[in-house]
Amino acid sequence: MIFYKGNIFTIEETDDAIASKPEAESQAQPSIAVAQHKNLIKRFADMGKLRSPDQMTPEGDGIFAIKARCGLRAYGWYHSINRHVFVISHYICKKKQKLDPADLERAQRNRIKYETFS
């Protein structure tokens, strides 16, 4: 499902992203952080990159994390056929910087499922 169509990238969300978003957003403090994270994703779609390298980091195996300072994360990848599409696998809210291997596995499973059915 399309989340946002920017000047450079179209941001799509998997079913898991749509399902995980409310819980992740409810854990974010302060509540304005949710709007900041959405604006960060939209800025990435419009500009093709983010100002700070800490805001989008490679997590391995082609998976990237778009990170807000509040702890919100959107894990995703670039579509294998249409490189102008960035697909968000799922959202989480966490305080530590280190990637949880379960999040990488979850994103990899979502990518296989998404690319098989798209």
PDB file of N, CA and C in Angstrom:
ATOM      1  N   MET A   1       0.841  -1.168   0.000  1.00  0.00           N
ATOM      2  CA  MET A   1       0.000   0.000   0.000  1.00  0.00           C
ATOM      3  C   MET A   1       0.899   1.249   0.000  1.00  0.00           C
ATOM      4  N   ILE A   2       0.547   2.234  -0.783  1.00  0.00           N
ATOM      5  CA  ILE A   2       1.351   3.460  -0.882  1.00  0.00           C
ATOM      6  C   ILE A   2       1.123   4.331   0.357  1.00  0.00           C
ATOM      7  N   PHE A   3       2.217   4.694   1.009  1.00  0.00           N
ATOM      8  CA  PHE A   3       2.190   5.586   2.165  1.00  0.00           C
ATOM      9  C   PHE A   3       2.360   7.036   1.703  1.00  0.00           C
ATOM     10  N   TYR A   4       3.308   7.247   0.764  1.00  0.00           N
ATOM     11  CA  TYR A   4       3.583   8.605   0.301  1.00  0.00           C
ATOM     12  C   TYR A   4       4.303   8.533  -1.041  1.00  0.00           C
ATOM     13  N   LYS A   5       3.927   9.402  -1.960  1.00  0.00           N
ATOM     14  CA  LYS A   5       4.590   9.486  -3.255  1.00  0.00           C
ATOM     15  C   LYS A   5       5.348  10.805  -3.302  1.00  0.00           C
ATOM     16  N   GLY A   6       6.666  10.722  -3.240  1.00  0.00           N
ATOM     17  CA  GLY A   6       7.500  11.912  -3.243  1.00  0.00           C
ATOM     18  C   GLY A   6       8.068  12.205  -4.619  1.00  0.00           C
ATOM     19  N   ASN A   7       8.941  13.210  -4.683  1.00  0.00           N
ATOM     20  CA  ASN A   7       9.563  13.600  -5.945  1.00  0.00           C
ATOM     21  C   ASN A   7      10.555  12.559  -6.452  1.00  0.00           C
ATOM     22  N   ILE A   8      11.215  11.846  -5.536  1.00  0.00           N
ATOM     23  CA  ILE A   8      12.241  10.878  -5.900  1.00  0.00           C
ATOM     24  C   ILE A   8      11.763   9.444  -5.681  1.00  0.00           C
ATOM     25  N   PHE A   9      11.210   9.178  -4.510  1.00  0.00           N
ATOM     26  CA  PHE A   9      10.790   7.823  -4.142  1.00  0.00           C
ATOM     27  C   PHE A   9       9.303   7.769  -3.822  1.00  0.00           C
ATOM     28  N   THR A  10       8.736   6.607  -4.076  1.00  0.00           N
ATOM     29  CA  THR A  10       7.410   6.275  -3.577  1.00  0.00           C
ATOM     30  C   THR A  10       7.636   5.375  -2.369  1.00  0.00           C
ATOM     31  N   ILE A  11       6.990   5.689  -1.263  1.00  0.00           N
ATOM     32  CA  ILE A  11       7.116   4.887  -0.049  1.00  0.00           C
ATOM     33  C   ILE A  11       5.901   3.978   0.040  1.00  0.00           C
ATOM     34  N   GLU A  12       6.156   2.679   0.097  1.00  0.00           N
ATOM     35  CA  GLU A  12       5.085   1.704   0.257  1.00  0.00           C
ATOM     36  C   GLU A  12       5.243   1.015   1.606  1.00  0.00           C
ATOM     37  N   GLU A  13       4.140   0.532   2.144  1.00  0.00           N
ATOM     38  CA  GLU A  13       4.151  -0.184   3.413  1.00  0.00           C
ATOM     39  C   GLU A  13       3.622  -1.599   3.206  1.00  0.00           C
ATOM     40  N   THR A  14       4.257  -2.562   3.866  1.00  0.00           N
ATOM     41  CA  THR A  14       3.741  -3.928   3.859  1.00  0.00           C
ATOM     42  C   THR A  14       2.566  -4.002   4.834  1.00  0.00           C
ATOM     43  N   ASP A  15       1.867  -5.118   4.812  1.00  0.00           N
ATOM     44  CA  ASP A  15       0.782  -5.325   5.777  1.00  0.00           C
ATOM     45  C   ASP A  15       1.316  -5.294   7.203  1.00  0.00           C
ATOM     46  N   ASP A  16       2.521  -5.833   7.401  1.00  0.00           N
ATOM     47  CA  ASP A  16       3.139  -5.834   8.727  1.00  0.00           C
ATOM     48  C   ASP A  16       3.440  -4.406   9.182  1.00  0.00           C
ATOM     49  N   ALA A  17       3.832  -3.542   8.260  1.00  0.00           N
ATOM     50  CA  ALA A  17       4.099  -2.141   8.608  1.00  0.00           C
ATOM     51  C   ALA A  17       2.826  -1.458   9.089  1.00  0.00           C
ATOM     52  N   ILE A  18       1.745  -1.692   8.368  1.00  0.00           N
ATOM     53  CA  ILE A  18       0.471  -1.083   8.735  1.00  0.00           C
ATOM     54  C   ILE A  18       0.016  -1.587  10.100  1.00  0.00           C
ATOM     55  N   ALA A  19       0.225  -2.882  10.351  1.00  0.00           N
ATOM     56  CA  ALA A  19      -0.200  -3.469  11.627  1.00  0.00           C
ATOM     57  C   ALA A  19       0.689  -3.041  12.791  1.00  0.00           C
ATOM     58  N   SER A  20       1.986  -2.845  12.539  1.00  0.00           N
ATOM     59  CA  SER A  20       2.919  -2.522  13.634  1.00  0.00           C
ATOM     60  C   SER A  20       2.975  -1.030  13.957  1.00  0.00           C
ATOM     61  N   LYS A  21       2.503  -0.183  13.062  1.00  0.00           N
ATOM     62  CA  LYS A  21       2.611   1.260  13.243  1.00  0.00           C
ATOM     63  C   LYS A  21       1.905   1.782  14.499  1.00  0.00           C
ATOM     64  N   PRO A  22       0.647   1.409  14.793  1.00  0.00           N
ATOM     65  CA  PRO A  22      -0.022   1.972  15.970  1.00  0.00           C
ATOM     66  C   PRO A  22       0.698   1.674  17.293  1.00  0.00           C
ATOM     67  N   GLU A  23       1.185   0.457  17.445  1.00  0.00           N
ATOM     68  CA  GLU A  23       1.884   0.113  18.687  1.00  0.00           C
ATOM     69  C   GLU A  23       3.188   0.892  18.824  1.00  0.00           C
ATOM     70  N   ALA A  24       3.960   0.968  17.742  1.00  0.00           N
ATOM     71  CA  ALA A  24       5.221   1.707  17.786  1.00  0.00           C
ATOM     72  C   ALA A  24       4.973   3.183  18.085  1.00  0.00           C
ATOM     73  N   GLU A  25       3.972   3.762  17.439  1.00  0.00           N
ATOM     74  CA  GLU A  25       3.678   5.177  17.653  1.00  0.00           C
ATOM     75  C   GLU A  25       3.170   5.446  19.066  1.00  0.00           C
ATOM     76  N   SER A  26       2.455   4.501  19.648  1.00  0.00           N
ATOM     77  CA  SER A  26       1.944   4.706  21.012  1.00  0.00           C
ATOM     78  C   SER A  26       3.067   4.703  22.041  1.00  0.00           C
ATOM     79  N   GLN A  27       4.199   4.082  21.724  1.00  0.00           N
ATOM     80  CA  GLN A  27       5.331   4.022  22.644  1.00  0.00           C
ATOM     81  C   GLN A  27       6.264   5.217  22.511  1.00  0.00           C
ATOM     82  N   ALA A  28       6.116   5.993  21.455  1.00  0.00           N
ATOM     83  CA  ALA A  28       7.017   7.124  21.205  1.00  0.00           C
ATOM     84  C   ALA A  28       6.732   8.258  22.177  1.00  0.00           C
ATOM     85  N   GLN A  29       7.795   8.823  22.723  1.00  0.00           N
ATOM     86  CA  GLN A  29       7.690   9.974  23.622  1.00  0.00           C
ATOM     87  C   GLN A  29       8.627  11.062  23.137  1.00  0.00           C
ATOM     88  N   PRO A  30       8.260  12.268  23.036  1.00  0.00           N
ATOM     89  CA  PRO A  30       6.924  12.822  23.206  1.00  0.00           C
ATOM     90  C   PRO A  30       6.059  12.491  22.001  1.00  0.00           C
ATOM     91  N   SER A  31       4.783  12.765  22.116  1.00  0.00           N
ATOM     92  CA  SER A  31       3.846  12.389  21.055  1.00  0.00           C
ATOM     93  C   SER A  31       4.125  13.134  19.746  1.00  0.00           C
ATOM     94  N   ILE A  32       4.764  14.274  19.804  1.00  0.00           N
ATOM     95  CA  ILE A  32       5.098  15.018  18.580  1.00  0.00           C
ATOM     96  C   ILE A  32       6.126  14.255  17.751  1.00  0.00           C
ATOM     97  N   ALA A  33       6.797  13.312  18.360  1.00  0.00           N
ATOM     98  CA  ALA A  33       7.809  12.531  17.660  1.00  0.00           C
ATOM     99  C   ALA A  33       7.212  11.741  16.501  1.00  0.00           C
ATOM    100  N   VAL A  34       5.967  11.340  16.621  1.00  0.00           N
ATOM    101  CA  VAL A  34       5.311  10.589  15.545  1.00  0.00           C
ATOM    102  C   VAL A  34       5.243  11.451  14.285  1.00  0.00           C
ATOM    103  N   ALA A  35       4.844  12.688  14.425  1.00  0.00           N
ATOM    104  CA  ALA A  35       4.781  13.598  13.277  1.00  0.00           C
ATOM    105  C   ALA A  35       6.180  13.849  12.713  1.00  0.00           C
ATOM    106  N   GLN A  36       7.167  13.964  13.584  1.00  0.00           N
ATOM    107  CA  GLN A  36       8.539  14.182  13.120  1.00  0.00           C
ATOM    108  C   GLN A  36       9.033  12.984  12.309  1.00  0.00           C
ATOM    109  N   HIS A  37       8.701  11.770  12.755  1.00  0.00           N
ATOM    110  CA  HIS A  37       9.130  10.570  12.029  1.00  0.00           C
ATOM    111  C   HIS A  37       8.450  10.499  10.661  1.00  0.00           C
ATOM    112  N   LYS A  38       7.167  10.811  10.602  1.00  0.00           N
ATOM    113  CA  LYS A  38       6.458  10.815   9.312  1.00  0.00           C
ATOM    114  C   LYS A  38       7.067  11.848   8.372  1.00  0.00           C
ATOM    115  N   ASN A  39       7.406  13.015   8.905  1.00  0.00           N
ATOM    116  CA  ASN A  39       8.025  14.053   8.077  1.00  0.00           C
ATOM    117  C   ASN A  39       9.404  13.627   7.591  1.00  0.00           C
ATOM    118  N   LEU A  40      10.126  12.879   8.405  1.00  0.00           N
ATOM    119  CA  LEU A  40      11.437  12.362   8.018  1.00  0.00           C
ATOM    120  C   LEU A  40      11.301  11.413   6.821  1.00  0.00           C
ATOM    121  N   ILE A  41      10.314  10.532   6.874  1.00  0.00           N
ATOM    122  CA  ILE A  41      10.073   9.598   5.775  1.00  0.00           C
ATOM    123  C   ILE A  41       9.660  10.356   4.509  1.00  0.00           C
ATOM    124  N   LYS A  42       8.806  11.351   4.673  1.00  0.00           N
ATOM    125  CA  LYS A  42       8.377  12.146   3.521  1.00  0.00           C
ATOM    126  C   LYS A  42       9.542  12.941   2.931  1.00  0.00           C
ATOM    127  N   ARG A  43      10.415  13.476   3.778  1.00  0.00           N
ATOM    128  CA  ARG A  43      11.586  14.215   3.298  1.00  0.00           C
ATOM    129  C   ARG A  43      12.495  13.295   2.490  1.00  0.00           C
ATOM    130  N   PHE A  44      12.674  12.057   2.969  1.00  0.00           N
ATOM    131  CA  PHE A  44      13.465  11.078   2.231  1.00  0.00           C
ATOM    132  C   PHE A  44      12.852  10.833   0.849  1.00  0.00           C
ATOM    133  N   ALA A  45      11.534  10.679   0.779  1.00  0.00           N
ATOM    134  CA  ALA A  45      10.853  10.429  -0.495  1.00  0.00           C
ATOM    135  C   ALA A  45      10.972  11.625  -1.439  1.00  0.00           C
ATOM    136  N   ASP A  46      10.930  12.825  -0.892  1.00  0.00           N
ATOM    137  CA  ASP A  46      11.000  14.029  -1.724  1.00  0.00           C
ATOM    138  C   ASP A  46      12.416  14.364  -2.176  1.00  0.00           C
ATOM    139  N   MET A  47      13.405  14.169  -1.301  1.00  0.00           N
ATOM    140  CA  MET A  47      14.771  14.585  -1.597  1.00  0.00           C
ATOM    141  C   MET A  47      15.686  13.438  -2.031  1.00  0.00           C
ATOM    142  N   GLY A  48      15.312  12.204  -1.721  1.00  0.00           N
ATOM    143  CA  GLY A  48      16.136  11.062  -2.090  1.00  0.00           C
ATOM    144  C   GLY A  48      17.219  10.731  -1.092  1.00  0.00           C
ATOM    145  N   LYS A  49      17.352  11.550  -0.067  1.00  0.00           N
ATOM    146  CA  LYS A  49      18.333  11.299   0.985  1.00  0.00           C
ATOM    147  C   LYS A  49      17.918  12.108   2.215  1.00  0.00           C
ATOM    148  N   LEU A  50      18.576  11.827   3.318  1.00  0.00           N
ATOM    149  CA  LEU A  50      18.317  12.577   4.547  1.00  0.00           C
ATOM    150  C   LEU A  50      19.565  13.364   4.916  1.00  0.00           C
ATOM    151  N   ARG A  51      19.381  14.465   5.620  1.00  0.00           N
ATOM    152  CA  ARG A  51      20.498  15.357   5.946  1.00  0.00           C
ATOM    153  C   ARG A  51      21.553  14.692   6.800  1.00  0.00           C
ATOM    154  N   SER A  52      21.141  13.940   7.773  1.00  0.00           N
ATOM    155  CA  SER A  52      22.081  13.313   8.698  1.00  0.00           C
ATOM    156  C   SER A  52      22.211  11.829   8.371  1.00  0.00           C
ATOM    157  N   PRO A  53      23.448  11.314   8.306  1.00  0.00           N
ATOM    158  CA  PRO A  53      23.609   9.876   8.050  1.00  0.00           C
ATOM    159  C   PRO A  53      23.036   9.017   9.173  1.00  0.00           C
ATOM    160  N   ASP A  54      22.861   9.579  10.358  1.00  0.00           N
ATOM    161  CA  ASP A  54      22.282   8.822  11.468  1.00  0.00           C
ATOM    162  C   ASP A  54      20.785   8.592  11.287  1.00  0.00           C
ATOM    163  N   GLN A  55      20.148   9.357  10.412  1.00  0.00           N
ATOM    164  CA  GLN A  55      18.702   9.232  10.229  1.00  0.00           C
ATOM    165  C   GLN A  55      18.327   8.052   9.346  1.00  0.00           C
ATOM    166  N   MET A  56      19.253   7.589   8.506  1.00  0.00           N
ATOM    167  CA  MET A  56      19.002   6.404   7.680  1.00  0.00           C
ATOM    168  C   MET A  56      20.277   5.598   7.624  1.00  0.00           C
ATOM    169  N   THR A  57      20.221   4.414   8.215  1.00  0.00           N
ATOM    170  CA  THR A  57      21.427   3.598   8.303  1.00  0.00           C
ATOM    171  C   THR A  57      21.212   2.224   7.685  1.00  0.00           C
ATOM    172  N   PRO A  58      22.257   1.699   7.007  1.00  0.00           N
ATOM    173  CA  PRO A  58      22.164   0.333   6.498  1.00  0.00           C
ATOM    174  C   PRO A  58      22.281  -0.644   7.662  1.00  0.00           C
ATOM    175  N   GLU A  59      21.416  -1.640   7.670  1.00  0.00           N
ATOM    176  CA  GLU A  59      21.406  -2.613   8.765  1.00  0.00           C
ATOM    177  C   GLU A  59      21.893  -3.987   8.310  1.00  0.00           C
ATOM    178  N   GLY A  60      22.215  -4.134   7.037  1.00  0.00           N
ATOM    179  CA  GLY A  60      22.708  -5.401   6.508  1.00  0.00           C
ATOM    180  C   GLY A  60      21.705  -6.041   5.583  1.00  0.00           C
ATOM    181  N   ASP A  61      22.222  -6.777   4.603  1.00  0.00           N
ATOM    182  CA  ASP A  61      21.412  -7.525   3.642  1.00  0.00           C
ATOM    183  C   ASP A  61      20.401  -6.633   2.912  1.00  0.00           C
ATOM    184  N   GLY A  62      20.784  -5.392   2.630  1.00  0.00           N
ATOM    185  CA  GLY A  62      19.917  -4.490   1.884  1.00  0.00           C
ATOM    186  C   GLY A  62      18.778  -3.886   2.681  1.00  0.00           C
ATOM    187  N   ILE A  63      18.787  -4.071   3.994  1.00  0.00           N
ATOM    188  CA  ILE A  63      17.760  -3.510   4.871  1.00  0.00           C
ATOM    189  C   ILE A  63      18.286  -2.203   5.456  1.00  0.00           C
ATOM    190  N   PHE A  64      17.426  -1.182   5.497  1.00  0.00           N
ATOM    191  CA  PHE A  64      17.788   0.124   6.047  1.00  0.00           C
ATOM    192  C   PHE A  64      16.812   0.498   7.150  1.00  0.00           C
ATOM    193  N   ALA A  65      17.269   1.357   8.059  1.00  0.00           N
ATOM    194  CA  ALA A  65      16.402   1.871   9.125  1.00  0.00           C
ATOM    195  C   ALA A  65      16.327   3.379   8.999  1.00  0.00           C
ATOM    196  N   ILE A  66      15.113   3.905   8.926  1.00  0.00           N
ATOM    197  CA  ILE A  66      14.891   5.351   9.006  1.00  0.00           C
ATOM    198  C   ILE A  66      14.569   5.622  10.460  1.00  0.00           C
ATOM    199  N   LYS A  67      15.443   6.404  11.107  1.00  0.00           N
ATOM    200  CA  LYS A  67      15.395   6.562  12.557  1.00  0.00           C
ATOM    201  C   LYS A  67      15.089   7.998  12.973  1.00  0.00           C
ATOM    202  N   ALA A  68      14.210   8.110  13.930  1.00  0.00           N
ATOM    203  CA  ALA A  68      13.957   9.401  14.571  1.00  0.00           C
ATOM    204  C   ALA A  68      14.638   9.385  15.934  1.00  0.00           C
ATOM    205  N   ARG A  69      14.959  10.562  16.462  1.00  0.00           N
ATOM    206  CA  ARG A  69      15.646  10.651  17.759  1.00  0.00           C
ATOM    207  C   ARG A  69      14.843  10.052  18.902  1.00  0.00           C
ATOM    208  N   CYS A  70      13.547  10.008  18.767  1.00  0.00           N
ATOM    209  CA  CYS A  70      12.685   9.507  19.840  1.00  0.00           C
ATOM    210  C   CYS A  70      12.720   7.992  19.966  1.00  0.00           C
ATOM    211  N   GLY A  71      13.319   7.298  19.002  1.00  0.00           N
ATOM    212  CA  GLY A  71      13.380   5.849  19.056  1.00  0.00           C
ATOM    213  C   GLY A  71      12.522   5.162  18.005  1.00  0.00           C
ATOM    214  N   LEU A  72      11.703   5.907  17.297  1.00  0.00           N
ATOM    215  CA  LEU A  72      10.898   5.284  16.233  1.00  0.00           C
ATOM    216  C   LEU A  72      11.810   4.849  15.093  1.00  0.00           C
ATOM    217  N   ARG A  73      11.563   3.653  14.588  1.00  0.00           N
ATOM    218  CA  ARG A  73      12.321   3.107  13.476  1.00  0.00           C
ATOM    219  C   ARG A  73      11.350   2.566  12.427  1.00  0.00           C
ATOM    220  N   ALA A  74      11.694   2.791  11.175  1.00  0.00           N
ATOM    221  CA  ALA A  74      10.977   2.179  10.058  1.00  0.00           C
ATOM    222  C   ALA A  74      12.013   1.377   9.282  1.00  0.00           C
ATOM    223  N   TYR A  75      11.912   0.062   9.337  1.00  0.00           N
ATOM    224  CA  TYR A  75      12.837  -0.801   8.615  1.00  0.00           C
ATOM    225  C   TYR A  75      12.287  -1.066   7.224  1.00  0.00           C
ATOM    226  N   GLY A  76      13.162  -1.017   6.225  1.00  0.00           N
ATOM    227  CA  GLY A  76      12.712  -1.238   4.865  1.00  0.00           C
ATOM    228  C   GLY A  76      13.844  -1.483   3.896  1.00  0.00           C
ATOM    229  N   TRP A  77      13.503  -1.540   2.608  1.00  0.00           N
ATOM    230  CA  TRP A  77      14.455  -1.834   1.552  1.00  0.00           C
ATOM    231  C   TRP A  77      13.998  -1.147   0.273  1.00  0.00           C
ATOM    232  N   TYR A  78      14.946  -1.063  -0.674  1.00  0.00           N
ATOM    233  CA  TYR A  78      14.628  -0.559  -2.008  1.00  0.00           C
ATOM    234  C   TYR A  78      14.077  -1.724  -2.821  1.00  0.00           C
ATOM    235  N   HIS A  79      12.979  -1.506  -3.536  1.00  0.00           N
ATOM    236  CA  HIS A  79      12.351  -2.549  -4.355  1.00  0.00           C
ATOM    237  C   HIS A  79      13.374  -3.069  -5.359  1.00  0.00           C
ATOM    238  N   SER A  80      13.404  -4.374  -5.562  1.00  0.00           N
ATOM    239  CA  SER A  80      14.430  -4.984  -6.419  1.00  0.00           C
ATOM    240  C   SER A  80      14.263  -4.638  -7.902  1.00  0.00           C
ATOM    241  N   ILE A  81      13.045  -4.385  -8.348  1.00  0.00           N
ATOM    242  CA  ILE A  81      12.821  -4.076  -9.762  1.00  0.00           C
ATOM    243  C   ILE A  81      12.706  -2.575  -9.985  1.00  0.00           C
ATOM    244  N   ASN A  82      11.885  -1.911  -9.221  1.00  0.00           N
ATOM    245  CA  ASN A  82      11.695  -0.461  -9.337  1.00  0.00           C
ATOM    246  C   ASN A  82      12.472   0.219  -8.224  1.00  0.00           C
ATOM    247  N   ARG A  83      13.664   0.710  -8.538  1.00  0.00           N
ATOM    248  CA  ARG A  83      14.546   1.304  -7.525  1.00  0.00           C
ATOM    249  C   ARG A  83      14.023   2.646  -7.001  1.00  0.00           C
ATOM    250  N   HIS A  84      12.923   3.136  -7.545  1.00  0.00           N
ATOM    251  CA  HIS A  84      12.326   4.375  -7.053  1.00  0.00           C
ATOM    252  C   HIS A  84      11.223   4.102  -6.040  1.00  0.00           C
ATOM    253  N   VAL A  85      11.176   2.872  -5.558  1.00  0.00           N
ATOM    254  CA  VAL A  85      10.217   2.494  -4.527  1.00  0.00           C
ATOM    255  C   VAL A  85      11.000   2.007  -3.312  1.00  0.00           C
ATOM    256  N   PHE A  86      10.679   2.589  -2.152  1.00  0.00           N
ATOM    257  CA  PHE A  86      11.239   2.131  -0.887  1.00  0.00           C
ATOM    258  C   PHE A  86      10.091   1.518  -0.106  1.00  0.00           C
ATOM    259  N   VAL A  87      10.264   0.265   0.308  1.00  0.00           N
ATOM    260  CA  VAL A  87       9.202  -0.479   0.975  1.00  0.00           C
ATOM    261  C   VAL A  87       9.506  -0.558   2.467  1.00  0.00           C
ATOM    262  N   ILE A  88       8.565  -0.117   3.287  1.00  0.00           N
ATOM    263  CA  ILE A  88       8.720  -0.204   4.738  1.00  0.00           C
ATOM    264  C   ILE A  88       8.170  -1.547   5.196  1.00  0.00           C
ATOM    265  N   SER A  89       9.030  -2.300   5.862  1.00  0.00           N
ATOM    266  CA  SER A  89       8.685  -3.628   6.365  1.00  0.00           C
ATOM    267  C   SER A  89       7.835  -3.545   7.617  1.00  0.00           C
ATOM    268  N   HIS A  90       8.334  -2.811   8.604  1.00  0.00           N
ATOM    269  CA  HIS A  90       7.636  -2.688   9.881  1.00  0.00           C
ATOM    270  C   HIS A  90       8.201  -1.518  10.668  1.00  0.00           C
ATOM    271  N   TYR A  91       7.450  -1.115  11.692  1.00  0.00           N
ATOM    272  CA  TYR A  91       7.837  -0.016  12.576  1.00  0.00           C
ATOM    273  C   TYR A  91       8.070  -0.582  13.973  1.00  0.00           C
ATOM    274  N   ILE A  92       9.033   0.000  14.672  1.00  0.00           N
ATOM    275  CA  ILE A  92       9.226  -0.314  16.085  1.00  0.00           C
ATOM    276  C   ILE A  92       9.635   0.964  16.802  1.00  0.00           C
ATOM    277  N   CYS A  93       9.543   0.938  18.101  1.00  0.00           N
ATOM    278  CA  CYS A  93      10.046   2.036  18.929  1.00  0.00           C
ATOM    279  C   CYS A  93      11.026   1.411  19.901  1.00  0.00           C
ATOM    280  N   LYS A  94      12.273   1.854  19.839  1.00  0.00           N
ATOM    281  CA  LYS A  94      13.297   1.315  20.726  1.00  0.00           C
ATOM    282  C   LYS A  94      14.250   2.423  21.122  1.00  0.00           C
ATOM    283  N   LYS A  95      14.911   2.241  22.231  1.00  0.00           N
ATOM    284  CA  LYS A  95      15.802   3.280  22.745  1.00  0.00           C
ATOM    285  C   LYS A  95      17.267   3.025  22.432  1.00  0.00           C
ATOM    286  N   LYS A  96      17.670   1.770  22.300  1.00  0.00           N
ATOM    287  CA  LYS A  96      19.086   1.503  22.039  1.00  0.00           C
ATOM    288  C   LYS A  96      19.366   1.515  20.541  1.00  0.00           C
ATOM    289  N   GLN A  97      20.601   1.802  20.187  1.00  0.00           N
ATOM    290  CA  GLN A  97      20.984   1.947  18.785  1.00  0.00           C
ATOM    291  C   GLN A  97      21.185   0.609  18.082  1.00  0.00           C
ATOM    292  N   LYS A  98      21.614  -0.409  18.805  1.00  0.00           N
ATOM    293  CA  LYS A  98      21.973  -1.678  18.187  1.00  0.00           C
ATOM    294  C   LYS A  98      20.755  -2.392  17.602  1.00  0.00           C
ATOM    295  N   LEU A  99      20.943  -2.938  16.408  1.00  0.00           N
ATOM    296  CA  LEU A  99      19.886  -3.672  15.721  1.00  0.00           C
ATOM    297  C   LEU A  99      19.617  -4.992  16.425  1.00  0.00           C
ATOM    298  N   ASP A 100      18.353  -5.263  16.653  1.00  0.00           N
ATOM    299  CA  ASP A 100      17.941  -6.553  17.187  1.00  0.00           C
ATOM    300  C   ASP A 100      17.891  -7.530  16.001  1.00  0.00           C
ATOM    301  N   PRO A 101      18.593  -8.667  16.082  1.00  0.00           N
ATOM    302  CA  PRO A 101      18.577  -9.620  14.965  1.00  0.00           C
ATOM    303  C   PRO A 101      17.162 -10.047  14.563  1.00  0.00           C
ATOM    304  N   ALA A 102      16.235 -10.059  15.504  1.00  0.00           N
ATOM    305  CA  ALA A 102      14.850 -10.423  15.175  1.00  0.00           C
ATOM    306  C   ALA A 102      14.227  -9.407  14.219  1.00  0.00           C
ATOM    307  N   ASP A 103      14.595  -8.120  14.345  1.00  0.00           N
ATOM    308  CA  ASP A 103      14.068  -7.098  13.435  1.00  0.00           C
ATOM    309  C   ASP A 103      14.621  -7.288  12.028  1.00  0.00           C
ATOM    310  N   LEU A 104      15.904  -7.665  11.923  1.00  0.00           N
ATOM    311  CA  LEU A 104      16.485  -7.932  10.607  1.00  0.00           C
ATOM    312  C   LEU A 104      15.804  -9.142   9.960  1.00  0.00           C
ATOM    313  N   GLU A 105      15.588 -10.194  10.728  1.00  0.00           N
ATOM    314  CA  GLU A 105      14.912 -11.382  10.199  1.00  0.00           C
ATOM    315  C   GLU A 105      13.474 -11.060   9.777  1.00  0.00           C
ATOM    316  N   ARG A 106      12.801 -10.251  10.564  1.00  0.00           N
ATOM    317  CA  ARG A 106      11.421  -9.860  10.250  1.00  0.00           C
ATOM    318  C   ARG A 106      11.375  -9.094   8.936  1.00  0.00           C
ATOM    319  N   ALA A 107      12.307  -8.168   8.752  1.00  0.00           N
ATOM    320  CA  ALA A 107      12.364  -7.392   7.512  1.00  0.00           C
ATOM    321  C   ALA A 107      12.687  -8.293   6.323  1.00  0.00           C
ATOM    322  N   GLN A 108      13.595  -9.243   6.510  1.00  0.00           N
ATOM    323  CA  GLN A 108      13.939 -10.167   5.428  1.00  0.00           C
ATOM    324  C   GLN A 108      12.734 -11.029   5.040  1.00  0.00           C
ATOM    325  N   ARG A 109      11.995 -11.524   6.027  1.00  0.00           N
ATOM    326  CA  ARG A 109      10.788 -12.318   5.741  1.00  0.00           C
ATOM    327  C   ARG A 109       9.751 -11.480   4.991  1.00  0.00           C
ATOM    328  N   ASN A 110       9.571 -10.236   5.438  1.00  0.00           N
ATOM    329  CA  ASN A 110       8.603  -9.348   4.774  1.00  0.00           C
ATOM    330  C   ASN A 110       9.031  -9.043   3.336  1.00  0.00           C
ATOM    331  N   ARG A 111      10.337  -8.893   3.121  1.00  0.00           N
ATOM    332  CA  ARG A 111      10.825  -8.613   1.763  1.00  0.00           C
ATOM    333  C   ARG A 111      10.547  -9.796   0.837  1.00  0.00           C
ATOM    334  N   ILE A 112      10.827 -11.011   1.310  1.00  0.00           N
ATOM    335  CA  ILE A 112      10.569 -12.209   0.499  1.00  0.00           C
ATOM    336  C   ILE A 112       9.085 -12.311   0.172  1.00  0.00           C
ATOM    337  N   LYS A 113       8.254 -12.123   1.175  1.00  0.00           N
ATOM    338  CA  LYS A 113       6.801 -12.195   0.983  1.00  0.00           C
ATOM    339  C   LYS A 113       6.333 -11.114   0.013  1.00  0.00           C
ATOM    340  N   TYR A 114       6.806  -9.888   0.197  1.00  0.00           N
ATOM    341  CA  TYR A 114       6.390  -8.757  -0.647  1.00  0.00           C
ATOM    342  C   TYR A 114       6.820  -8.966  -2.094  1.00  0.00           C
ATOM    343  N   GLU A 115       8.071  -9.343  -2.302  1.00  0.00           N
ATOM    344  CA  GLU A 115       8.592  -9.448  -3.661  1.00  0.00           C
ATOM    345  C   GLU A 115       8.044 -10.676  -4.373  1.00  0.00           C
ATOM    346  N   THR A 116       7.600 -11.674  -3.635  1.00  0.00           N
ATOM    347  CA  THR A 116       6.995 -12.846  -4.235  1.00  0.00           C
ATOM    348  C   THR A 116       5.613 -12.516  -4.784  1.00  0.00           C
ATOM    349  N   PHE A 117       4.886 -11.657  -4.072  1.00  0.00           N
ATOM    350  CA  PHE A 117       3.501 -11.355  -4.449  1.00  0.00           C
ATOM    351  C   PHE A 117       3.332 -10.025  -5.169  1.00  0.00           C
ATOM    352  N   SER A 118       4.420  -9.317  -5.475  1.00  0.00           N
ATOM    353  CA  SER A 118       4.266  -8.032  -6.178  1.00  0.00           C
ATOM    354  C   SER A 118       4.620  -8.128  -7.638  1.00  0.00           C
TER     355      SER A 118
END
